[in-house]
């Protein structure tokens, strides 16, 4: 069964824009792919290391999957190179579905420090 809490990694400027707009429309990568990329708690660290390494102003956005309705699809990663299904949101993320927004600390090695509770 899919998890209730899902995560996306958002650059600081994009998150500030989302807070003003009331929704997060996604990054340039999301626009290119046609959906917002999310991860489960078990996937998000690897996603951060692979796609957002060394980014200094990065936010971990936790969303309630149940509030996203049919716009949320569980699909394999493109190319099928990563195991498991990933949550993909076909539409903007309304702030009403956001459970928390946490700025991640960047370590000297380029990885991000995650809050307690995220494996």
C-alpha atoms as a PDB file:
ATOM      1  CA  UNK A   1       0.000   0.000   0.000  1.00  0.00           C
ATOM      2  CA  UNK A   2       1.395   3.453  -0.891  1.00  0.00           C
ATOM      3  CA  UNK A   3       2.643   5.619   1.932  1.00  0.00           C
ATOM      4  CA  UNK A   4       0.668   8.574   3.249  1.00  0.00           C
ATOM      5  CA  UNK A   5       3.615  10.987   3.564  1.00  0.00           C
ATOM      6  CA  UNK A   6       5.599  11.670   0.403  1.00  0.00           C
ATOM      7  CA  UNK A   7       8.495  14.069  -0.154  1.00  0.00           C
ATOM      8  CA  UNK A   8       9.809  16.442  -2.764  1.00  0.00           C
ATOM      9  CA  UNK A   9      13.013  18.492  -2.811  1.00  0.00           C
ATOM     10  CA  UNK A  10      12.511  22.147  -3.691  1.00  0.00           C
ATOM     11  CA  UNK A  11      15.037  24.910  -4.267  1.00  0.00           C
ATOM     12  CA  UNK A  12      14.616  27.824  -1.868  1.00  0.00           C
ATOM     13  CA  UNK A  13      13.601  30.454  -4.444  1.00  0.00           C
ATOM     14  CA  UNK A  14      10.993  28.086  -5.884  1.00  0.00           C
ATOM     15  CA  UNK A  15       9.590  27.360  -2.422  1.00  0.00           C
ATOM     16  CA  UNK A  16       9.302  31.060  -1.595  1.00  0.00           C
ATOM     17  CA  UNK A  17       7.406  31.546  -4.893  1.00  0.00           C
ATOM     18  CA  UNK A  18       5.098  28.647  -3.969  1.00  0.00           C
ATOM     19  CA  UNK A  19       4.352  30.167  -0.566  1.00  0.00           C
ATOM     20  CA  UNK A  20       3.300  33.422  -2.251  1.00  0.00           C
ATOM     21  CA  UNK A  21       1.240  31.623  -4.911  1.00  0.00           C
ATOM     22  CA  UNK A  22      -0.400  29.065  -2.611  1.00  0.00           C
ATOM     23  CA  UNK A  23       0.873  26.127  -4.682  1.00  0.00           C
ATOM     24  CA  UNK A  24       4.137  24.661  -5.951  1.00  0.00           C
ATOM     25  CA  UNK A  25       4.123  24.327  -9.731  1.00  0.00           C
ATOM     26  CA  UNK A  26       7.403  22.405  -9.932  1.00  0.00           C
ATOM     27  CA  UNK A  27      10.963  22.811 -11.159  1.00  0.00           C
ATOM     28  CA  UNK A  28      12.248  22.967 -14.725  1.00  0.00           C
ATOM     29  CA  UNK A  29      12.867  19.200 -14.461  1.00  0.00           C
ATOM     30  CA  UNK A  30       9.256  18.666 -13.416  1.00  0.00           C
ATOM     31  CA  UNK A  31       8.007  20.776 -16.345  1.00  0.00           C
ATOM     32  CA  UNK A  32      10.197  18.792 -18.761  1.00  0.00           C
ATOM     33  CA  UNK A  33       8.856  15.464 -17.458  1.00  0.00           C
ATOM     34  CA  UNK A  34       5.223  16.569 -17.163  1.00  0.00           C
ATOM     35  CA  UNK A  35       4.817  15.834 -13.445  1.00  0.00           C
ATOM     36  CA  UNK A  36       6.197  16.784 -10.024  1.00  0.00           C
ATOM     37  CA  UNK A  37       8.772  14.289  -8.756  1.00  0.00           C
ATOM     38  CA  UNK A  38       8.168  12.920  -5.259  1.00  0.00           C
ATOM     39  CA  UNK A  39       9.836  10.189  -3.215  1.00  0.00           C
ATOM     40  CA  UNK A  40       8.871   8.008  -0.303  1.00  0.00           C
ATOM     41  CA  UNK A  41      10.730   8.337   2.998  1.00  0.00           C
ATOM     42  CA  UNK A  42      12.878   5.378   1.947  1.00  0.00           C
ATOM     43  CA  UNK A  43      13.733   6.972  -1.425  1.00  0.00           C
ATOM     44  CA  UNK A  44      14.248  10.657  -0.630  1.00  0.00           C
ATOM     45  CA  UNK A  45      17.856  10.545   0.615  1.00  0.00           C
ATOM     46  CA  UNK A  46      19.025   8.783  -2.528  1.00  0.00           C
ATOM     47  CA  UNK A  47      17.073  11.267  -4.648  1.00  0.00           C
ATOM     48  CA  UNK A  48      18.738  14.180  -2.846  1.00  0.00           C
ATOM     49  CA  UNK A  49      22.209  12.678  -3.313  1.00  0.00           C
ATOM     50  CA  UNK A  50      21.590  11.921  -6.991  1.00  0.00           C
ATOM     51  CA  UNK A  51      19.696  15.022  -8.121  1.00  0.00           C
ATOM     52  CA  UNK A  52      20.342  17.825  -5.602  1.00  0.00           C
ATOM     53  CA  UNK A  53      23.841  17.185  -4.221  1.00  0.00           C
ATOM     54  CA  UNK A  54      25.679  20.338  -3.104  1.00  0.00           C
ATOM     55  CA  UNK A  55      22.630  22.625  -3.463  1.00  0.00           C
ATOM     56  CA  UNK A  56      22.834  25.050  -0.529  1.00  0.00           C
ATOM     57  CA  UNK A  57      19.220  26.279  -0.287  1.00  0.00           C
ATOM     58  CA  UNK A  58      17.202  23.086  -0.488  1.00  0.00           C
ATOM     59  CA  UNK A  59      13.879  22.385   1.207  1.00  0.00           C
ATOM     60  CA  UNK A  60      12.354  19.038   2.082  1.00  0.00           C
ATOM     61  CA  UNK A  61       8.615  19.275   1.506  1.00  0.00           C
ATOM     62  CA  UNK A  62       6.456  16.606   3.122  1.00  0.00           C
ATOM     63  CA  UNK A  63       3.012  16.205   1.585  1.00  0.00           C
ATOM     64  CA  UNK A  64      -0.040  14.143   2.475  1.00  0.00           C
ATOM     65  CA  UNK A  65      -0.564  11.803  -0.471  1.00  0.00           C
ATOM     66  CA  UNK A  66      -4.226  11.266   0.444  1.00  0.00           C
ATOM     67  CA  UNK A  67      -4.954  14.967  -0.157  1.00  0.00           C
ATOM     68  CA  UNK A  68      -3.663  14.822  -3.734  1.00  0.00           C
ATOM     69  CA  UNK A  69      -6.394  12.612  -5.169  1.00  0.00           C
ATOM     70  CA  UNK A  70      -6.233  11.109  -8.629  1.00  0.00           C
ATOM     71  CA  UNK A  71      -3.498  13.525  -9.754  1.00  0.00           C
ATOM     72  CA  UNK A  72      -1.004  11.373  -7.811  1.00  0.00           C
ATOM     73  CA  UNK A  73       0.257   8.297  -9.664  1.00  0.00           C
ATOM     74  CA  UNK A  74       2.683   5.614  -8.425  1.00  0.00           C
ATOM     75  CA  UNK A  75       5.022   4.800 -11.307  1.00  0.00           C
ATOM     76  CA  UNK A  76       8.465   3.342 -12.008  1.00  0.00           C
ATOM     77  CA  UNK A  77      11.375   5.768 -12.361  1.00  0.00           C
ATOM     78  CA  UNK A  78      12.104   6.805 -15.925  1.00  0.00           C
ATOM     79  CA  UNK A  79      14.273   4.266 -17.581  1.00  0.00           C
ATOM     80  CA  UNK A  80      13.322   1.739 -14.894  1.00  0.00           C
ATOM     81  CA  UNK A  81      16.826   1.956 -13.385  1.00  0.00           C
ATOM     82  CA  UNK A  82      15.679   2.529  -9.782  1.00  0.00           C
ATOM     83  CA  UNK A  83      13.645  -0.141  -8.024  1.00  0.00           C
ATOM     84  CA  UNK A  84      10.172   0.463  -6.672  1.00  0.00           C
ATOM     85  CA  UNK A  85       7.436   2.891  -7.566  1.00  0.00           C
ATOM     86  CA  UNK A  86       7.767   6.648  -7.187  1.00  0.00           C
ATOM     87  CA  UNK A  87       4.950   9.088  -6.494  1.00  0.00           C
ATOM     88  CA  UNK A  88       4.427  11.488  -9.402  1.00  0.00           C
ATOM     89  CA  UNK A  89       1.989  14.397  -9.150  1.00  0.00           C
ATOM     90  CA  UNK A  90       0.323  15.459 -12.393  1.00  0.00           C
ATOM     91  CA  UNK A  91      -0.506  19.009 -11.394  1.00  0.00           C
ATOM     92  CA  UNK A  92       0.580  21.646  -8.904  1.00  0.00           C
ATOM     93  CA  UNK A  93       1.090  20.828  -5.231  1.00  0.00           C
ATOM     94  CA  UNK A  94      -1.440  22.846  -3.203  1.00  0.00           C
ATOM     95  CA  UNK A  95      -0.017  24.162   0.063  1.00  0.00           C
ATOM     96  CA  UNK A  96      -3.076  22.696   1.788  1.00  0.00           C
ATOM     97  CA  UNK A  97      -1.546  19.236   1.187  1.00  0.00           C
ATOM     98  CA  UNK A  98       1.846  20.178   2.686  1.00  0.00           C
ATOM     99  CA  UNK A  99       2.511  18.662   6.112  1.00  0.00           C
ATOM    100  CA  UNK A 100       5.905  20.300   6.678  1.00  0.00           C
ATOM    101  CA  UNK A 101       8.629  22.292   4.970  1.00  0.00           C
ATOM    102  CA  UNK A 102      12.159  21.935   6.348  1.00  0.00           C
ATOM    103  CA  UNK A 103      15.288  23.647   5.086  1.00  0.00           C
ATOM    104  CA  UNK A 104      18.021  21.033   4.796  1.00  0.00           C
ATOM    105  CA  UNK A 105      21.511  21.708   6.098  1.00  0.00           C
ATOM    106  CA  UNK A 106      24.266  21.151   3.553  1.00  0.00           C
ATOM    107  CA  UNK A 107      27.231  19.159   4.860  1.00  0.00           C
ATOM    108  CA  UNK A 108      30.828  19.788   3.769  1.00  0.00           C
ATOM    109  CA  UNK A 109      30.737  16.638   1.598  1.00  0.00           C
ATOM    110  CA  UNK A 110      27.783  17.975  -0.442  1.00  0.00           C
ATOM    111  CA  UNK A 111      25.145  15.717   1.114  1.00  0.00           C
ATOM    112  CA  UNK A 112      22.163  17.044   3.041  1.00  0.00           C
ATOM    113  CA  UNK A 113      21.299  16.454   6.667  1.00  0.00           C
ATOM    114  CA  UNK A 114      17.728  15.195   7.032  1.00  0.00           C
ATOM    115  CA  UNK A 115      15.448  15.689  10.036  1.00  0.00           C
ATOM    116  CA  UNK A 116      14.680  12.880  12.471  1.00  0.00           C
ATOM    117  CA  UNK A 117      11.969  10.562  11.230  1.00  0.00           C
ATOM    118  CA  UNK A 118      13.151  10.505   7.622  1.00  0.00           C
ATOM    119  CA  UNK A 119      15.164   7.289   7.171  1.00  0.00           C
END
